[in-house]
Amino acid sequence: MSCSFSYVRGPFALRGFIIAFSLSAALGVRVHAQEASVGALTLTDAVALTLARNPELQAGGYTLRAADAFIDEAGLSPPLVAGGEIENFAGTGNLSGAQGAETTLQLSRVIELGGKLDARVLAAGEARALAAVERQALRLDVLAEVARRFTHVVSDQEQLALTRRATELAERTLDLTAERVAVGRAPVTEQNRAEIALARARIDEEHTKH
């Protein structure tokens, strides 16, 4: 499972989100690179994208629709059953063969007693309610995971921005110190300290990237 964004400063905003939004295992969302666009991805966007594309949530929707159809079917009375009989097919004389056949059409239906229909509808309704509860629980789990991952990415990207600014500051400090040393206004040891500080800032930035 992976979730990769490029961060741009701002409250819960991500830019250029090469959504390798392969939240494929837990979130089940897969967005290909060509579908990614440059813009701000807010938490609301991430939630909407996940709700629209999570296959488990989609499957839960299909289950609910099937349960609704089952409730409708459970409320129907048993269907009419058609049957028929053919008598005197052989016949005699002028009524021999099919001309003398007598056909009887029968229609029958099972009459349910003891509240069987109501019980069937009730059972179907309970199954549907259970499916709805399970889907809602899954939805809440998915949304919680989206929020957790989104916040984690924002935190990481903000930390990276801070280390980059620290590196830039160390670079400017070294440049100024080198100029002071060149004109004899600062000792060489001060430049050495600035070089060490810059090296540490760059190491911190690299560690933050990984």
C-alpha atoms as a PDB file:
ATOM      1  CA  MET A   1       0.000   0.000   0.000  1.00  0.00           C
ATOM      2  CA  SER A   2       1.470   3.375  -0.891  1.00  0.00           C
ATOM      3  CA  CYS A   3       0.382   6.971  -0.990  1.00  0.00           C
ATOM      4  CA  SER A   4       2.671   9.543  -2.590  1.00  0.00           C
ATOM      5  CA  PHE A   5       2.072  13.286  -2.773  1.00  0.00           C
ATOM      6  CA  SER A   6       4.106  16.417  -3.412  1.00  0.00           C
ATOM      7  CA  TYR A   7       3.303  19.002  -0.780  1.00  0.00           C
ATOM      8  CA  VAL A   8       2.701  22.692  -1.210  1.00  0.00           C
ATOM      9  CA  ARG A   9       2.317  24.845   1.878  1.00  0.00           C
ATOM     10  CA  GLY A  10      -1.204  25.543   2.987  1.00  0.00           C
ATOM     11  CA  PRO A  11      -3.778  23.965   5.308  1.00  0.00           C
ATOM     12  CA  PHE A  12      -4.157  20.367   4.213  1.00  0.00           C
ATOM     13  CA  ALA A  13      -3.260  21.095   0.589  1.00  0.00           C
ATOM     14  CA  LEU A  14      -1.108  18.908  -1.624  1.00  0.00           C
ATOM     15  CA  ARG A  15       0.102  19.846  -5.100  1.00  0.00           C
ATOM     16  CA  GLY A  16       1.156  17.791  -8.084  1.00  0.00           C
ATOM     17  CA  PHE A  17      -0.050  14.639  -6.342  1.00  0.00           C
ATOM     18  CA  ILE A  18       1.419  11.970  -8.575  1.00  0.00           C
ATOM     19  CA  ILE A  19      -1.169   9.929  -6.920  1.00  0.00           C
ATOM     20  CA  ALA A  20       0.402   6.703  -6.774  1.00  0.00           C
ATOM     21  CA  PHE A  21      -2.763   6.721  -4.739  1.00  0.00           C
ATOM     22  CA  SER A  22      -2.418   3.028  -4.723  1.00  0.00           C
ATOM     23  CA  LEU A  23      -4.187   2.862  -1.475  1.00  0.00           C
ATOM     24  CA  SER A  24      -4.756  -0.529  -2.987  1.00  0.00           C
ATOM     25  CA  ALA A  25      -4.618  -2.828  -0.011  1.00  0.00           C
ATOM     26  CA  ALA A  26      -6.409  -1.053   2.803  1.00  0.00           C
ATOM     27  CA  LEU A  27      -8.186   1.625   0.817  1.00  0.00           C
ATOM     28  CA  GLY A  28      -8.458  -0.234  -2.448  1.00  0.00           C
ATOM     29  CA  VAL A  29      -8.071   2.905  -4.545  1.00  0.00           C
ATOM     30  CA  ARG A  30      -5.948   2.831  -7.674  1.00  0.00           C
ATOM     31  CA  VAL A  31      -5.346   5.980  -9.715  1.00  0.00           C
ATOM     32  CA  HIS A  32      -2.994   5.770 -12.687  1.00  0.00           C
ATOM     33  CA  ALA A  33      -0.357   8.409 -13.347  1.00  0.00           C
ATOM     34  CA  GLN A  34      -2.094   9.758 -16.439  1.00  0.00           C
ATOM     35  CA  GLU A  35      -5.143  10.550 -14.316  1.00  0.00           C
ATOM     36  CA  ALA A  36      -3.159  12.711 -11.914  1.00  0.00           C
ATOM     37  CA  SER A  37      -3.347  16.439 -12.393  1.00  0.00           C
ATOM     38  CA  VAL A  38      -1.468  19.395 -11.025  1.00  0.00           C
ATOM     39  CA  GLY A  39      -3.593  21.143  -8.460  1.00  0.00           C
ATOM     40  CA  ALA A  40      -4.464  21.119  -4.798  1.00  0.00           C
ATOM     41  CA  LEU A  41      -5.591  17.868  -3.237  1.00  0.00           C
ATOM     42  CA  THR A  42      -7.470  18.572  -0.052  1.00  0.00           C
ATOM     43  CA  LEU A  43      -8.565  16.041   2.508  1.00  0.00           C
ATOM     44  CA  THR A  44     -12.080  16.435   1.138  1.00  0.00           C
ATOM     45  CA  ASP A  45     -10.785  15.538  -2.331  1.00  0.00           C
ATOM     46  CA  ALA A  46      -8.989  12.472  -0.993  1.00  0.00           C
ATOM     47  CA  VAL A  47     -12.126  11.312   0.813  1.00  0.00           C
ATOM     48  CA  ALA A  48     -14.331  11.829  -2.249  1.00  0.00           C
ATOM     49  CA  LEU A  49     -11.854   9.984  -4.466  1.00  0.00           C
ATOM     50  CA  THR A  50     -11.695   7.052  -2.073  1.00  0.00           C
ATOM     51  CA  LEU A  51     -15.463   6.794  -1.652  1.00  0.00           C
ATOM     52  CA  ALA A  52     -15.903   6.832  -5.423  1.00  0.00           C
ATOM     53  CA  ARG A  53     -13.233   4.245  -6.218  1.00  0.00           C
ATOM     54  CA  ASN A  54     -12.894   1.887  -3.301  1.00  0.00           C
ATOM     55  CA  PRO A  55     -13.938  -1.525  -4.674  1.00  0.00           C
ATOM     56  CA  GLU A  56     -15.050  -2.896  -1.308  1.00  0.00           C
ATOM     57  CA  LEU A  57     -17.414   0.030  -0.792  1.00  0.00           C
ATOM     58  CA  GLN A  58     -18.695  -0.388  -4.340  1.00  0.00           C
ATOM     59  CA  ALA A  59     -19.298  -4.081  -3.694  1.00  0.00           C
ATOM     60  CA  GLY A  60     -21.198  -3.149  -0.538  1.00  0.00           C
ATOM     61  CA  GLY A  61     -23.453  -0.932  -2.629  1.00  0.00           C
ATOM     62  CA  TYR A  62     -24.199  -3.813  -4.969  1.00  0.00           C
ATOM     63  CA  THR A  63     -24.993  -5.999  -1.965  1.00  0.00           C
ATOM     64  CA  LEU A  64     -27.505  -3.456  -0.663  1.00  0.00           C
ATOM     65  CA  ARG A  65     -29.218  -3.212  -4.040  1.00  0.00           C
ATOM     66  CA  ALA A  66     -29.416  -6.987  -4.217  1.00  0.00           C
ATOM     67  CA  ALA A  67     -30.879  -7.044  -0.696  1.00  0.00           C
ATOM     68  CA  ASP A  68     -33.513  -4.491  -1.725  1.00  0.00           C
ATOM     69  CA  ALA A  69     -34.471  -6.670  -4.670  1.00  0.00           C
ATOM     70  CA  PHE A  70     -34.650  -9.696  -2.383  1.00  0.00           C
ATOM     71  CA  ILE A  71     -37.013  -7.820  -0.039  1.00  0.00           C
ATOM     72  CA  ASP A  72     -39.284  -7.029  -2.984  1.00  0.00           C
ATOM     73  CA  GLU A  73     -39.195 -10.649  -4.083  1.00  0.00           C
ATOM     74  CA  ALA A  74     -39.855 -11.911  -0.556  1.00  0.00           C
ATOM     75  CA  GLY A  75     -43.048  -9.845  -0.431  1.00  0.00           C
ATOM     76  CA  LEU A  76     -44.522 -11.548  -3.472  1.00  0.00           C
ATOM     77  CA  SER A  77     -46.992 -14.386  -3.151  1.00  0.00           C
ATOM     78  CA  PRO A  78     -45.984 -17.722  -4.652  1.00  0.00           C
ATOM     79  CA  PRO A  79     -46.472 -17.619  -8.430  1.00  0.00           C
ATOM     80  CA  LEU A  80     -49.261 -19.293 -10.338  1.00  0.00           C
ATOM     81  CA  VAL A  81     -48.295 -22.680 -11.704  1.00  0.00           C
ATOM     82  CA  ALA A  82     -49.800 -23.671 -15.033  1.00  0.00           C
ATOM     83  CA  GLY A  83     -50.450 -27.263 -15.989  1.00  0.00           C
ATOM     84  CA  GLY A  84     -52.504 -29.139 -18.506  1.00  0.00           C
ATOM     85  CA  GLU A  85     -53.840 -32.507 -19.571  1.00  0.00           C
ATOM     86  CA  ILE A  86     -54.746 -33.915 -22.971  1.00  0.00           C
ATOM     87  CA  GLU A  87     -57.373 -36.671 -23.057  1.00  0.00           C
ATOM     88  CA  ASN A  88     -58.844 -38.793 -25.837  1.00  0.00           C
ATOM     89  CA  PHE A  89     -55.899 -38.020 -28.046  1.00  0.00           C
ATOM     90  CA  ALA A  90     -56.454 -41.229 -30.026  1.00  0.00           C
ATOM     91  CA  GLY A  91     -60.225 -40.802 -30.454  1.00  0.00           C
ATOM     92  CA  THR A  92     -62.380 -42.898 -32.776  1.00  0.00           C
ATOM     93  CA  GLY A  93     -63.892 -42.456 -36.191  1.00  0.00           C
ATOM     94  CA  ASN A  94     -64.088 -38.852 -37.335  1.00  0.00           C
ATOM     95  CA  LEU A  95     -62.575 -37.764 -34.010  1.00  0.00           C
ATOM     96  CA  SER A  96     -59.433 -39.821 -34.348  1.00  0.00           C
ATOM     97  CA  GLY A  97     -56.050 -38.198 -33.704  1.00  0.00           C
ATOM     98  CA  ALA A  98     -55.641 -34.629 -32.493  1.00  0.00           C
ATOM     99  CA  GLN A  99     -59.114 -33.622 -33.651  1.00  0.00           C
ATOM    100  CA  GLY A 100     -60.659 -35.591 -30.830  1.00  0.00           C
ATOM    101  CA  ALA A 101     -58.279 -34.478 -28.127  1.00  0.00           C
ATOM    102  CA  GLU A 102     -59.672 -32.797 -25.031  1.00  0.00           C
ATOM    103  CA  THR A 103     -57.355 -30.270 -23.388  1.00  0.00           C
ATOM    104  CA  THR A 104     -57.642 -29.196 -19.761  1.00  0.00           C
ATOM    105  CA  LEU A 105     -55.680 -26.149 -18.512  1.00  0.00           C
ATOM    106  CA  GLN A 106     -55.010 -25.955 -14.792  1.00  0.00           C
ATOM    107  CA  LEU A 107     -53.778 -22.955 -12.780  1.00  0.00           C
ATOM    108  CA  SER A 108     -52.681 -23.463  -9.198  1.00  0.00           C
ATOM    109  CA  ARG A 109     -50.959 -21.458  -6.478  1.00  0.00           C
ATOM    110  CA  VAL A 110     -49.518 -22.438  -3.113  1.00  0.00           C
ATOM    111  CA  ILE A 111     -51.388 -20.702  -0.308  1.00  0.00           C
ATOM    112  CA  GLU A 112     -48.981 -19.843   2.501  1.00  0.00           C
ATOM    113  CA  LEU A 113     -50.307 -20.159   6.029  1.00  0.00           C
ATOM    114  CA  GLY A 114     -48.972 -19.210   9.414  1.00  0.00           C
ATOM    115  CA  GLY A 115     -47.458 -15.841   8.437  1.00  0.00           C
ATOM    116  CA  LYS A 116     -44.782 -17.366   6.208  1.00  0.00           C
ATOM    117  CA  LEU A 117     -44.805 -14.395   3.839  1.00  0.00           C
ATOM    118  CA  ASP A 118     -44.409 -11.884   6.675  1.00  0.00           C
ATOM    119  CA  ALA A 119     -41.610 -13.951   8.171  1.00  0.00           C
ATOM    120  CA  ARG A 120     -39.842 -14.099   4.823  1.00  0.00           C
ATOM    121  CA  VAL A 121     -40.089 -10.327   4.366  1.00  0.00           C
ATOM    122  CA  LEU A 122     -38.845  -9.762   7.921  1.00  0.00           C
ATOM    123  CA  ALA A 123     -35.837 -12.028   7.373  1.00  0.00           C
ATOM    124  CA  ALA A 124     -34.982 -10.252   4.124  1.00  0.00           C
ATOM    125  CA  GLY A 125     -35.254  -6.878   5.860  1.00  0.00           C
ATOM    126  CA  GLU A 126     -32.965  -7.977   8.673  1.00  0.00           C
ATOM    127  CA  ALA A 127     -30.397  -9.245   6.171  1.00  0.00           C
ATOM    128  CA  ARG A 128     -30.523  -5.898   4.389  1.00  0.00           C
ATOM    129  CA  ALA A 129     -30.095  -3.980   7.663  1.00  0.00           C
ATOM    130  CA  LEU A 130     -27.067  -6.096   8.567  1.00  0.00           C
ATOM    131  CA  ALA A 131     -25.504  -5.454   5.159  1.00  0.00           C
ATOM    132  CA  ALA A 132     -26.066  -1.706   5.623  1.00  0.00           C
ATOM    133  CA  VAL A 133     -24.399  -1.730   9.048  1.00  0.00           C
ATOM    134  CA  GLU A 134     -21.407  -3.672   7.725  1.00  0.00           C
ATOM    135  CA  ARG A 135     -20.998  -1.276   4.799  1.00  0.00           C
ATOM    136  CA  GLN A 136     -21.176   1.758   7.073  1.00  0.00           C
ATOM    137  CA  ALA A 137     -18.558   0.241   9.386  1.00  0.00           C
ATOM    138  CA  LEU A 138     -16.280  -0.387   6.408  1.00  0.00           C
ATOM    139  CA  ARG A 139     -16.874   3.168   5.184  1.00  0.00           C
ATOM    140  CA  LEU A 140     -15.847   4.620   8.543  1.00  0.00           C
ATOM    141  CA  ASP A 141     -12.722   2.435   8.642  1.00  0.00           C
ATOM    142  CA  VAL A 142     -11.730   3.540   5.145  1.00  0.00           C
ATOM    143  CA  LEU A 143     -12.293   7.227   5.903  1.00  0.00           C
ATOM    144  CA  ALA A 144     -10.269   6.979   9.114  1.00  0.00           C
ATOM    145  CA  GLU A 145      -7.400   5.423   7.167  1.00  0.00           C
ATOM    146  CA  VAL A 146      -7.582   8.155   4.518  1.00  0.00           C
ATOM    147  CA  ALA A 147      -7.412  10.865   7.189  1.00  0.00           C
ATOM    148  CA  ARG A 148      -4.522   9.149   8.969  1.00  0.00           C
ATOM    149  CA  ARG A 149      -2.470   8.741   5.810  1.00  0.00           C
ATOM    150  CA  PHE A 150      -3.264  12.234   4.577  1.00  0.00           C
ATOM    151  CA  THR A 151      -2.164  13.787   7.875  1.00  0.00           C
ATOM    152  CA  HIS A 152       0.981  11.655   7.891  1.00  0.00           C
ATOM    153  CA  VAL A 153       1.932  12.791   4.385  1.00  0.00           C
ATOM    154  CA  VAL A 154       1.284  16.451   5.210  1.00  0.00           C
ATOM    155  CA  SER A 155       3.454  16.152   8.323  1.00  0.00           C
ATOM    156  CA  ASP A 156       6.298  14.518   6.389  1.00  0.00           C
ATOM    157  CA  GLN A 157       6.168  17.100   3.621  1.00  0.00           C
ATOM    158  CA  GLU A 158       6.139  19.992   6.084  1.00  0.00           C
ATOM    159  CA  GLN A 159       9.155  18.518   7.844  1.00  0.00           C
ATOM    160  CA  LEU A 160      10.932  18.287   4.490  1.00  0.00           C
ATOM    161  CA  ALA A 161      10.116  21.935   3.772  1.00  0.00           C
ATOM    162  CA  LEU A 162      11.620  22.919   7.133  1.00  0.00           C
ATOM    163  CA  THR A 163      14.868  21.039   6.493  1.00  0.00           C
ATOM    164  CA  ARG A 164      15.135  22.598   3.037  1.00  0.00           C
ATOM    165  CA  ARG A 165      14.802  26.056   4.527  1.00  0.00           C
ATOM    166  CA  ALA A 166      17.456  25.153   7.108  1.00  0.00           C
ATOM    167  CA  THR A 167      19.796  24.087   4.299  1.00  0.00           C
ATOM    168  CA  GLU A 168      19.184  27.327   2.404  1.00  0.00           C
ATOM    169  CA  LEU A 169      19.910  29.328   5.552  1.00  0.00           C
ATOM    170  CA  ALA A 170      23.140  27.388   6.144  1.00  0.00           C
ATOM    171  CA  GLU A 171      24.205  28.036   2.550  1.00  0.00           C
ATOM    172  CA  ARG A 172      23.628  31.780   2.894  1.00  0.00           C
ATOM    173  CA  THR A 173      25.461  31.790   6.220  1.00  0.00           C
ATOM    174  CA  LEU A 174      28.451  30.070   4.647  1.00  0.00           C
ATOM    175  CA  ASP A 175      28.518  32.539   1.754  1.00  0.00           C
ATOM    176  CA  LEU A 176      28.462  35.515   4.107  1.00  0.00           C
ATOM    177  CA  THR A 177      31.095  33.968   6.374  1.00  0.00           C
ATOM    178  CA  ALA A 178      33.365  33.229   3.409  1.00  0.00           C
ATOM    179  CA  GLU A 179      33.101  36.867   2.343  1.00  0.00           C
ATOM    180  CA  ARG A 180      34.007  38.041   5.847  1.00  0.00           C
ATOM    181  CA  VAL A 181      36.987  35.690   5.967  1.00  0.00           C
ATOM    182  CA  ALA A 182      38.133  36.885   2.533  1.00  0.00           C
ATOM    183  CA  VAL A 183      38.353  40.505   3.721  1.00  0.00           C
ATOM    184  CA  GLY A 184      39.874  39.566   7.049  1.00  0.00           C
ATOM    185  CA  ARG A 185      36.833  40.359   9.169  1.00  0.00           C
ATOM    186  CA  ALA A 186      36.369  36.786  10.476  1.00  0.00           C
ATOM    187  CA  PRO A 187      38.729  33.907  11.263  1.00  0.00           C
ATOM    188  CA  VAL A 188      38.939  30.824   9.061  1.00  0.00           C
ATOM    189  CA  THR A 189      37.610  28.723  11.934  1.00  0.00           C
ATOM    190  CA  GLU A 190      34.285  30.564  11.630  1.00  0.00           C
ATOM    191  CA  GLN A 191      34.059  29.503   7.987  1.00  0.00           C
ATOM    192  CA  ASN A 192      34.894  25.937   8.979  1.00  0.00           C
ATOM    193  CA  ARG A 193      32.021  25.935  11.459  1.00  0.00           C
ATOM    194  CA  ALA A 194      29.676  27.275   8.774  1.00  0.00           C
ATOM    195  CA  GLU A 195      30.767  24.501   6.401  1.00  0.00           C
ATOM    196  CA  ILE A 196      30.112  21.872   9.066  1.00  0.00           C
ATOM    197  CA  ALA A 197      26.680  23.370   9.781  1.00  0.00           C
ATOM    198  CA  LEU A 198      25.822  23.247   6.074  1.00  0.00           C
ATOM    199  CA  ALA A 199      26.949  19.618   5.824  1.00  0.00           C
ATOM    200  CA  ARG A 200      24.735  18.692   8.776  1.00  0.00           C
ATOM    201  CA  ALA A 201      21.761  20.559   7.299  1.00  0.00           C
ATOM    202  CA  ARG A 202      22.140  18.674   4.018  1.00  0.00           C
ATOM    203  CA  ILE A 203      22.343  15.351   5.848  1.00  0.00           C
ATOM    204  CA  ASP A 204      19.167  16.191   7.795  1.00  0.00           C
ATOM    205  CA  GLU A 205      17.395  17.078   4.539  1.00  0.00           C
ATOM    206  CA  GLU A 206      18.427  13.790   2.931  1.00  0.00           C
ATOM    207  CA  HIS A 207      17.242  11.830   5.956  1.00  0.00           C
ATOM    208  CA  THR A 208      13.888  13.613   5.818  1.00  0.00           C
ATOM    209  CA  LYS A 209      13.495  12.710   2.131  1.00  0.00           C
ATOM    210  CA  HIS A 210      13.863   9.038   2.958  1.00  0.00           C
END
